[in-house]
Amino acid sequence: MSSPDRSRRPRRVLLVDMGGVFFSYSFLKAITAWAAAAGQDPEHVRARWLIDQPFDAFERGEIQPAAYLEHLRHLLAVDLTDEQLEQGWNAIYGTVDPALLALLADPAVRSLFDAVVGVSNTNMLHARYWRELFREDLSVLDAVHCSHEIGATKPSAEFFAHVAAAHGTTRKDLVLVDDIPSVTADAAGLGIRSHTYQGAAALASYLHTLDTAKDRS
């Protein structure tokens, strides 16, 4: 990768999705934890779980944790305390791929961007937990922007406008890496360069295609 002349181009920012790219996760772990705590069949709990309007509102920071946990208790039909619900809620996390961390710290990648930041559709309870769980790994990022703090979720124009403004740039100078094809497609529709994540090696190949001399001359 060639090193761009940063004095001759707008600020370029790499956006790395957190859950599904930066770290792995599975909501099935939450289902299993809730079922065990409630003494119920995991399949019965799984059948009642859904991403609904309160879930979306929680990710936009429109309702507080206590209100969402109360909704969750009724949704799942489980007699669990807030503490038990929160423990299950935060049981979803897996690991960070060392190859991705190495790529994001690579000077050749860093030379292409003025900032490498995390972006996440998340909520107060999850973000508080994974910020501590992955605290050392997060040091590879210059910042992390969460939907519940912004008041909008990706791939909305409002979400990306907020992130762009925070880094003194525009949407067209963002590069998004996300594991959900519909998100990268919608972001591309907003004029954002986008890559659907399928591993660190494929991402490295994609970043090699970013010809900054051509794009920013």
C-alpha atoms as a PDB file:
ATOM      1  CA  MET A   1       0.000   0.000   0.000  1.00  0.00           C
ATOM      2  CA  SER A   2       1.343   3.403  -0.926  1.00  0.00           C
ATOM      3  CA  SER A   3       1.409   6.222   1.593  1.00  0.00           C
ATOM      4  CA  PRO A   4      -0.897   9.111   0.640  1.00  0.00           C
ATOM      5  CA  ASP A   5      -0.070  12.795   0.904  1.00  0.00           C
ATOM      6  CA  ARG A   6      -2.508  13.648   3.681  1.00  0.00           C
ATOM      7  CA  SER A   7      -2.019  17.371   3.186  1.00  0.00           C
ATOM      8  CA  ARG A   8      -3.677  17.115  -0.257  1.00  0.00           C
ATOM      9  CA  ARG A   9      -6.837  15.147   0.575  1.00  0.00           C
ATOM     10  CA  PRO A  10      -9.785  15.226   2.991  1.00  0.00           C
ATOM     11  CA  ARG A  11      -9.632  13.142   6.146  1.00  0.00           C
ATOM     12  CA  ARG A  12     -10.332   9.472   5.438  1.00  0.00           C
ATOM     13  CA  VAL A  13     -11.730   7.321   8.252  1.00  0.00           C
ATOM     14  CA  LEU A  14     -12.016   3.521   8.408  1.00  0.00           C
ATOM     15  CA  LEU A  15     -15.145   2.347  10.235  1.00  0.00           C
ATOM     16  CA  VAL A  16     -14.967  -1.140  11.738  1.00  0.00           C
ATOM     17  CA  ASP A  17     -18.200  -2.743  12.923  1.00  0.00           C
ATOM     18  CA  MET A  18     -17.831  -4.140  16.427  1.00  0.00           C
ATOM     19  CA  GLY A  19     -20.121  -7.195  16.836  1.00  0.00           C
ATOM     20  CA  GLY A  20     -19.500  -9.567  13.951  1.00  0.00           C
ATOM     21  CA  VAL A  21     -16.261  -7.950  12.779  1.00  0.00           C
ATOM     22  CA  PHE A  22     -14.152  -6.746  15.703  1.00  0.00           C
ATOM     23  CA  PHE A  23     -15.456  -9.439  18.049  1.00  0.00           C
ATOM     24  CA  SER A  24     -17.617 -12.520  17.564  1.00  0.00           C
ATOM     25  CA  TYR A  25     -20.900 -13.038  19.364  1.00  0.00           C
ATOM     26  CA  SER A  26     -23.962 -15.282  19.412  1.00  0.00           C
ATOM     27  CA  PHE A  27     -27.372 -14.507  20.885  1.00  0.00           C
ATOM     28  CA  LEU A  28     -27.895 -18.243  21.318  1.00  0.00           C
ATOM     29  CA  LYS A  29     -25.598 -17.973  24.344  1.00  0.00           C
ATOM     30  CA  ALA A  30     -28.031 -15.520  25.913  1.00  0.00           C
ATOM     31  CA  ILE A  31     -30.963 -17.832  25.199  1.00  0.00           C
ATOM     32  CA  THR A  32     -29.099 -20.726  26.823  1.00  0.00           C
ATOM     33  CA  ALA A  33     -28.201 -18.655  29.897  1.00  0.00           C
ATOM     34  CA  TRP A  34     -31.745 -17.370  30.399  1.00  0.00           C
ATOM     35  CA  ALA A  35     -33.241 -20.824  29.960  1.00  0.00           C
ATOM     36  CA  ALA A  36     -30.833 -22.343  32.475  1.00  0.00           C
ATOM     37  CA  ALA A  37     -31.526 -19.616  35.026  1.00  0.00           C
ATOM     38  CA  ALA A  38     -35.289 -19.981  34.546  1.00  0.00           C
ATOM     39  CA  GLY A  39     -35.288 -23.787  34.448  1.00  0.00           C
ATOM     40  CA  GLN A  40     -36.902 -23.774  31.009  1.00  0.00           C
ATOM     41  CA  ASP A  41     -36.300 -25.498  27.681  1.00  0.00           C
ATOM     42  CA  PRO A  42     -33.954 -23.288  25.591  1.00  0.00           C
ATOM     43  CA  GLU A  43     -36.120 -23.876  22.521  1.00  0.00           C
ATOM     44  CA  HIS A  44     -39.145 -22.447  24.309  1.00  0.00           C
ATOM     45  CA  VAL A  45     -37.193 -19.332  25.281  1.00  0.00           C
ATOM     46  CA  ARG A  46     -35.759 -19.053  21.798  1.00  0.00           C
ATOM     47  CA  ALA A  47     -39.246 -19.178  20.268  1.00  0.00           C
ATOM     48  CA  ARG A  48     -40.282 -16.135  22.311  1.00  0.00           C
ATOM     49  CA  TRP A  49     -37.167 -14.046  21.637  1.00  0.00           C
ATOM     50  CA  LEU A  50     -37.326 -11.441  18.899  1.00  0.00           C
ATOM     51  CA  ILE A  51     -35.774  -8.169  17.815  1.00  0.00           C
ATOM     52  CA  ASP A  52     -38.721  -5.826  18.274  1.00  0.00           C
ATOM     53  CA  GLN A  53     -39.467  -2.131  18.626  1.00  0.00           C
ATOM     54  CA  PRO A  54     -38.229  -1.884  22.258  1.00  0.00           C
ATOM     55  CA  PHE A  55     -34.971  -3.602  21.189  1.00  0.00           C
ATOM     56  CA  ASP A  56     -34.468  -1.015  18.444  1.00  0.00           C
ATOM     57  CA  ALA A  57     -35.363   1.808  20.820  1.00  0.00           C
ATOM     58  CA  PHE A  58     -32.839   0.486  23.352  1.00  0.00           C
ATOM     59  CA  GLU A  59     -30.136   0.588  20.668  1.00  0.00           C
ATOM     60  CA  ARG A  60     -31.015   4.225  19.952  1.00  0.00           C
ATOM     61  CA  GLY A  61     -30.773   5.086  23.643  1.00  0.00           C
ATOM     62  CA  GLU A  62     -34.477   5.947  23.829  1.00  0.00           C
ATOM     63  CA  ILE A  63     -35.239   3.708  26.818  1.00  0.00           C
ATOM     64  CA  GLN A  64     -33.209   2.943  29.920  1.00  0.00           C
ATOM     65  CA  PRO A  65     -31.803  -0.494  30.858  1.00  0.00           C
ATOM     66  CA  ALA A  66     -34.345  -1.118  33.627  1.00  0.00           C
ATOM     67  CA  ALA A  67     -37.243  -0.540  31.234  1.00  0.00           C
ATOM     68  CA  TYR A  68     -35.767  -2.845  28.609  1.00  0.00           C
ATOM     69  CA  LEU A  69     -35.059  -5.599  31.123  1.00  0.00           C
ATOM     70  CA  GLU A  70     -38.666  -5.399  32.317  1.00  0.00           C
ATOM     71  CA  HIS A  71     -39.830  -5.720  28.714  1.00  0.00           C
ATOM     72  CA  LEU A  72     -37.454  -8.656  28.223  1.00  0.00           C
ATOM     73  CA  ARG A  73     -38.839 -10.412  31.300  1.00  0.00           C
ATOM     74  CA  HIS A  74     -42.356 -10.276  29.854  1.00  0.00           C
ATOM     75  CA  LEU A  75     -41.242 -11.071  26.295  1.00  0.00           C
ATOM     76  CA  LEU A  76     -39.458 -14.251  27.366  1.00  0.00           C
ATOM     77  CA  ALA A  77     -42.037 -15.130  30.040  1.00  0.00           C
ATOM     78  CA  VAL A  78     -39.306 -15.832  32.595  1.00  0.00           C
ATOM     79  CA  ASP A  79     -39.281 -15.101  36.309  1.00  0.00           C
ATOM     80  CA  LEU A  80     -35.737 -13.736  36.458  1.00  0.00           C
ATOM     81  CA  THR A  81     -34.171 -10.824  38.311  1.00  0.00           C
ATOM     82  CA  ASP A  82     -32.609  -7.884  36.491  1.00  0.00           C
ATOM     83  CA  GLU A  83     -29.210  -9.298  37.435  1.00  0.00           C
ATOM     84  CA  GLN A  84     -30.010 -12.689  35.891  1.00  0.00           C
ATOM     85  CA  LEU A  85     -31.386 -11.090  32.743  1.00  0.00           C
ATOM     86  CA  GLU A  86     -28.320  -8.873  32.414  1.00  0.00           C
ATOM     87  CA  GLN A  87     -25.955 -11.809  32.925  1.00  0.00           C
ATOM     88  CA  GLY A  88     -27.648 -13.654  30.075  1.00  0.00           C
ATOM     89  CA  TRP A  89     -27.747 -10.497  27.963  1.00  0.00           C
ATOM     90  CA  ASN A  90     -23.965 -10.203  28.290  1.00  0.00           C
ATOM     91  CA  ALA A  91     -23.205 -13.912  27.807  1.00  0.00           C
ATOM     92  CA  ILE A  92     -23.127 -13.503  24.032  1.00  0.00           C
ATOM     93  CA  TYR A  93     -19.498 -12.548  23.505  1.00  0.00           C
ATOM     94  CA  GLY A  94     -16.800 -14.597  21.823  1.00  0.00           C
ATOM     95  CA  THR A  95     -13.305 -13.514  20.843  1.00  0.00           C
ATOM     96  CA  VAL A  96     -11.324 -11.032  18.779  1.00  0.00           C
ATOM     97  CA  ASP A  97      -9.363 -12.371  15.789  1.00  0.00           C
ATOM     98  CA  PRO A  98      -5.642 -11.650  16.340  1.00  0.00           C
ATOM     99  CA  ALA A  99      -5.209 -11.384  12.553  1.00  0.00           C
ATOM    100  CA  LEU A 100      -7.699  -8.515  12.438  1.00  0.00           C
ATOM    101  CA  LEU A 101      -5.970  -6.720  15.315  1.00  0.00           C
ATOM    102  CA  ALA A 102      -2.654  -7.063  13.519  1.00  0.00           C
ATOM    103  CA  LEU A 103      -4.150  -5.724  10.294  1.00  0.00           C
ATOM    104  CA  LEU A 104      -5.707  -2.693  11.982  1.00  0.00           C
ATOM    105  CA  ALA A 105      -2.380  -1.896  13.647  1.00  0.00           C
ATOM    106  CA  ASP A 106      -0.367  -2.396  10.443  1.00  0.00           C
ATOM    107  CA  PRO A 107       1.467   0.836   9.532  1.00  0.00           C
ATOM    108  CA  ALA A 108       0.614   0.238   5.861  1.00  0.00           C
ATOM    109  CA  VAL A 109      -3.108   0.260   6.723  1.00  0.00           C
ATOM    110  CA  ARG A 110      -2.699   3.192   9.071  1.00  0.00           C
ATOM    111  CA  SER A 111      -1.043   5.166   6.294  1.00  0.00           C
ATOM    112  CA  LEU A 112      -4.283   5.016   4.303  1.00  0.00           C
ATOM    113  CA  PHE A 113      -6.457   6.533   7.036  1.00  0.00           C
ATOM    114  CA  ASP A 114      -6.472   9.474   9.388  1.00  0.00           C
ATOM    115  CA  ALA A 115      -8.411   7.416  11.931  1.00  0.00           C
ATOM    116  CA  VAL A 116      -9.529   3.816  12.453  1.00  0.00           C
ATOM    117  CA  VAL A 117     -12.667   3.723  14.582  1.00  0.00           C
ATOM    118  CA  GLY A 118     -15.221   1.221  15.801  1.00  0.00           C
ATOM    119  CA  VAL A 119     -18.935   1.598  15.069  1.00  0.00           C
ATOM    120  CA  SER A 120     -21.717  -0.376  16.687  1.00  0.00           C
ATOM    121  CA  ASN A 121     -25.465  -0.769  16.872  1.00  0.00           C
ATOM    122  CA  THR A 122     -25.576  -1.518  20.564  1.00  0.00           C
ATOM    123  CA  ASN A 123     -27.088  -0.490  23.883  1.00  0.00           C
ATOM    124  CA  MET A 124     -25.925   0.774  27.236  1.00  0.00           C
ATOM    125  CA  LEU A 125     -25.714  -2.642  28.904  1.00  0.00           C
ATOM    126  CA  HIS A 126     -23.844  -4.332  26.067  1.00  0.00           C
ATOM    127  CA  ALA A 127     -21.451  -1.457  25.401  1.00  0.00           C
ATOM    128  CA  ARG A 128     -20.533  -1.101  29.060  1.00  0.00           C
ATOM    129  CA  TYR A 129     -19.740  -4.808  29.194  1.00  0.00           C
ATOM    130  CA  TRP A 130     -17.741  -5.218  25.984  1.00  0.00           C
ATOM    131  CA  ARG A 131     -15.783  -2.009  26.509  1.00  0.00           C
ATOM    132  CA  GLU A 132     -14.359  -3.650  29.635  1.00  0.00           C
ATOM    133  CA  LEU A 133     -14.174  -7.223  28.276  1.00  0.00           C
ATOM    134  CA  PHE A 134     -12.160  -6.173  25.215  1.00  0.00           C
ATOM    135  CA  ARG A 135     -10.459  -3.175  26.837  1.00  0.00           C
ATOM    136  CA  GLU A 136      -6.927  -4.123  25.777  1.00  0.00           C
ATOM    137  CA  ASP A 137      -7.944  -5.005  22.226  1.00  0.00           C
ATOM    138  CA  LEU A 138      -9.864  -1.738  21.815  1.00  0.00           C
ATOM    139  CA  SER A 139      -6.616   0.176  22.118  1.00  0.00           C
ATOM    140  CA  VAL A 140      -6.035  -0.497  18.404  1.00  0.00           C
ATOM    141  CA  LEU A 141      -8.962   1.840  17.630  1.00  0.00           C
ATOM    142  CA  ASP A 142      -8.823   5.626  17.785  1.00  0.00           C
ATOM    143  CA  ALA A 143     -12.449   5.888  18.938  1.00  0.00           C
ATOM    144  CA  VAL A 144     -15.681   3.897  19.184  1.00  0.00           C
ATOM    145  CA  HIS A 145     -19.096   5.288  18.216  1.00  0.00           C
ATOM    146  CA  CYS A 146     -22.212   3.551  19.582  1.00  0.00           C
ATOM    147  CA  SER A 147     -25.795   3.908  18.371  1.00  0.00           C
ATOM    148  CA  HIS A 148     -27.265   4.409  21.845  1.00  0.00           C
ATOM    149  CA  GLU A 149     -25.001   7.425  22.333  1.00  0.00           C
ATOM    150  CA  ILE A 150     -25.701   8.865  18.884  1.00  0.00           C
ATOM    151  CA  GLY A 151     -29.464   8.289  18.911  1.00  0.00           C
ATOM    152  CA  ALA A 152     -29.415   6.588  15.507  1.00  0.00           C
ATOM    153  CA  THR A 153     -28.412   3.180  14.163  1.00  0.00           C
ATOM    154  CA  LYS A 154     -26.407   2.269  11.099  1.00  0.00           C
ATOM    155  CA  PRO A 155     -26.971   2.220   8.196  1.00  0.00           C
ATOM    156  CA  SER A 156     -28.970   5.438   8.607  1.00  0.00           C
ATOM    157  CA  ALA A 157     -27.651   8.645   7.114  1.00  0.00           C
ATOM    158  CA  GLU A 158     -27.890  10.229  10.578  1.00  0.00           C
ATOM    159  CA  PHE A 159     -25.521   7.670  12.079  1.00  0.00           C
ATOM    160  CA  PHE A 160     -22.841   8.161   9.440  1.00  0.00           C
ATOM    161  CA  ALA A 161     -23.252  11.937   9.401  1.00  0.00           C
ATOM    162  CA  HIS A 162     -22.583  11.983  13.155  1.00  0.00           C
ATOM    163  CA  VAL A 163     -19.444   9.847  12.826  1.00  0.00           C
ATOM    164  CA  ALA A 164     -18.158  11.861   9.873  1.00  0.00           C
ATOM    165  CA  ALA A 165     -18.676  15.137  11.733  1.00  0.00           C
ATOM    166  CA  ALA A 166     -16.914  13.759  14.821  1.00  0.00           C
ATOM    167  CA  HIS A 167     -13.804  13.228  12.709  1.00  0.00           C
ATOM    168  CA  GLY A 168     -13.982  16.397  10.651  1.00  0.00           C
ATOM    169  CA  THR A 169     -14.808  14.705   7.370  1.00  0.00           C
ATOM    170  CA  THR A 170     -17.742  13.796   5.117  1.00  0.00           C
ATOM    171  CA  ARG A 171     -19.635  10.570   4.373  1.00  0.00           C
ATOM    172  CA  LYS A 172     -17.854  10.089   1.045  1.00  0.00           C
ATOM    173  CA  ASP A 173     -14.535   9.904   2.896  1.00  0.00           C
ATOM    174  CA  LEU A 174     -15.660   7.068   5.168  1.00  0.00           C
ATOM    175  CA  VAL A 175     -14.832   3.415   4.486  1.00  0.00           C
ATOM    176  CA  LEU A 176     -17.125   0.933   6.238  1.00  0.00           C
ATOM    177  CA  VAL A 177     -16.352  -2.687   7.141  1.00  0.00           C
ATOM    178  CA  ASP A 178     -19.455  -4.585   8.311  1.00  0.00           C
ATOM    179  CA  ASP A 179     -20.458  -8.250   8.353  1.00  0.00           C
ATOM    180  CA  ILE A 180     -24.079  -7.665   7.256  1.00  0.00           C
ATOM    181  CA  PRO A 181     -24.490  -7.355   3.461  1.00  0.00           C
ATOM    182  CA  SER A 182     -27.642  -5.243   3.709  1.00  0.00           C
ATOM    183  CA  VAL A 183     -25.781  -2.726   5.877  1.00  0.00           C
ATOM    184  CA  THR A 184     -22.859  -2.412   3.477  1.00  0.00           C
ATOM    185  CA  ALA A 185     -25.281  -2.147   0.544  1.00  0.00           C
ATOM    186  CA  ASP A 186     -27.253   0.634   2.220  1.00  0.00           C
ATOM    187  CA  ALA A 187     -24.054   2.442   3.191  1.00  0.00           C
ATOM    188  CA  ALA A 188     -22.830   2.217  -0.389  1.00  0.00           C
ATOM    189  CA  GLY A 189     -26.119   3.815  -1.418  1.00  0.00           C
ATOM    190  CA  LEU A 190     -25.142   6.774   0.765  1.00  0.00           C
ATOM    191  CA  GLY A 191     -21.851   7.133  -1.101  1.00  0.00           C
ATOM    192  CA  ILE A 192     -19.761   5.331   1.511  1.00  0.00           C
ATOM    193  CA  ARG A 193     -17.131   2.851   0.354  1.00  0.00           C
ATOM    194  CA  SER A 194     -18.147  -0.441   1.937  1.00  0.00           C
ATOM    195  CA  HIS A 195     -16.745  -3.939   2.400  1.00  0.00           C
ATOM    196  CA  THR A 196     -18.693  -6.968   3.651  1.00  0.00           C
ATOM    197  CA  TYR A 197     -16.392  -8.647   6.144  1.00  0.00           C
ATOM    198  CA  GLN A 198     -15.455 -12.290   5.574  1.00  0.00           C
ATOM    199  CA  GLY A 199     -12.183 -12.386   7.459  1.00  0.00           C
ATOM    200  CA  ALA A 200      -8.973 -10.438   7.927  1.00  0.00           C
ATOM    201  CA  ALA A 201      -7.301 -11.779   4.786  1.00  0.00           C
ATOM    202  CA  ALA A 202     -10.159 -10.665   2.515  1.00  0.00           C
ATOM    203  CA  LEU A 203     -10.247  -7.280   4.240  1.00  0.00           C
ATOM    204  CA  ALA A 204      -6.513  -6.845   3.675  1.00  0.00           C
ATOM    205  CA  SER A 205      -7.030  -7.542  -0.024  1.00  0.00           C
ATOM    206  CA  TYR A 206      -9.849  -4.996  -0.156  1.00  0.00           C
ATOM    207  CA  LEU A 207      -7.769  -2.310   1.539  1.00  0.00           C
ATOM    208  CA  HIS A 208      -5.056  -2.872  -1.053  1.00  0.00           C
ATOM    209  CA  THR A 209      -7.576  -1.762  -3.697  1.00  0.00           C
ATOM    210  CA  LEU A 210      -7.963   1.671  -2.123  1.00  0.00           C
ATOM    211  CA  ASP A 211      -5.824   3.725  -4.473  1.00  0.00           C
ATOM    212  CA  THR A 212      -5.559   6.952  -2.523  1.00  0.00           C
ATOM    213  CA  ALA A 213      -3.473   8.697  -5.158  1.00  0.00           C
ATOM    214  CA  LYS A 214      -6.270   8.172  -7.698  1.00  0.00           C
ATOM    215  CA  ASP A 215      -9.160   8.795  -5.294  1.00  0.00           C
ATOM    216  CA  ARG A 216      -7.825  11.900  -3.601  1.00  0.00           C
ATOM    217  CA  SER A 217      -5.625  13.677  -6.124  1.00  0.00           C
END
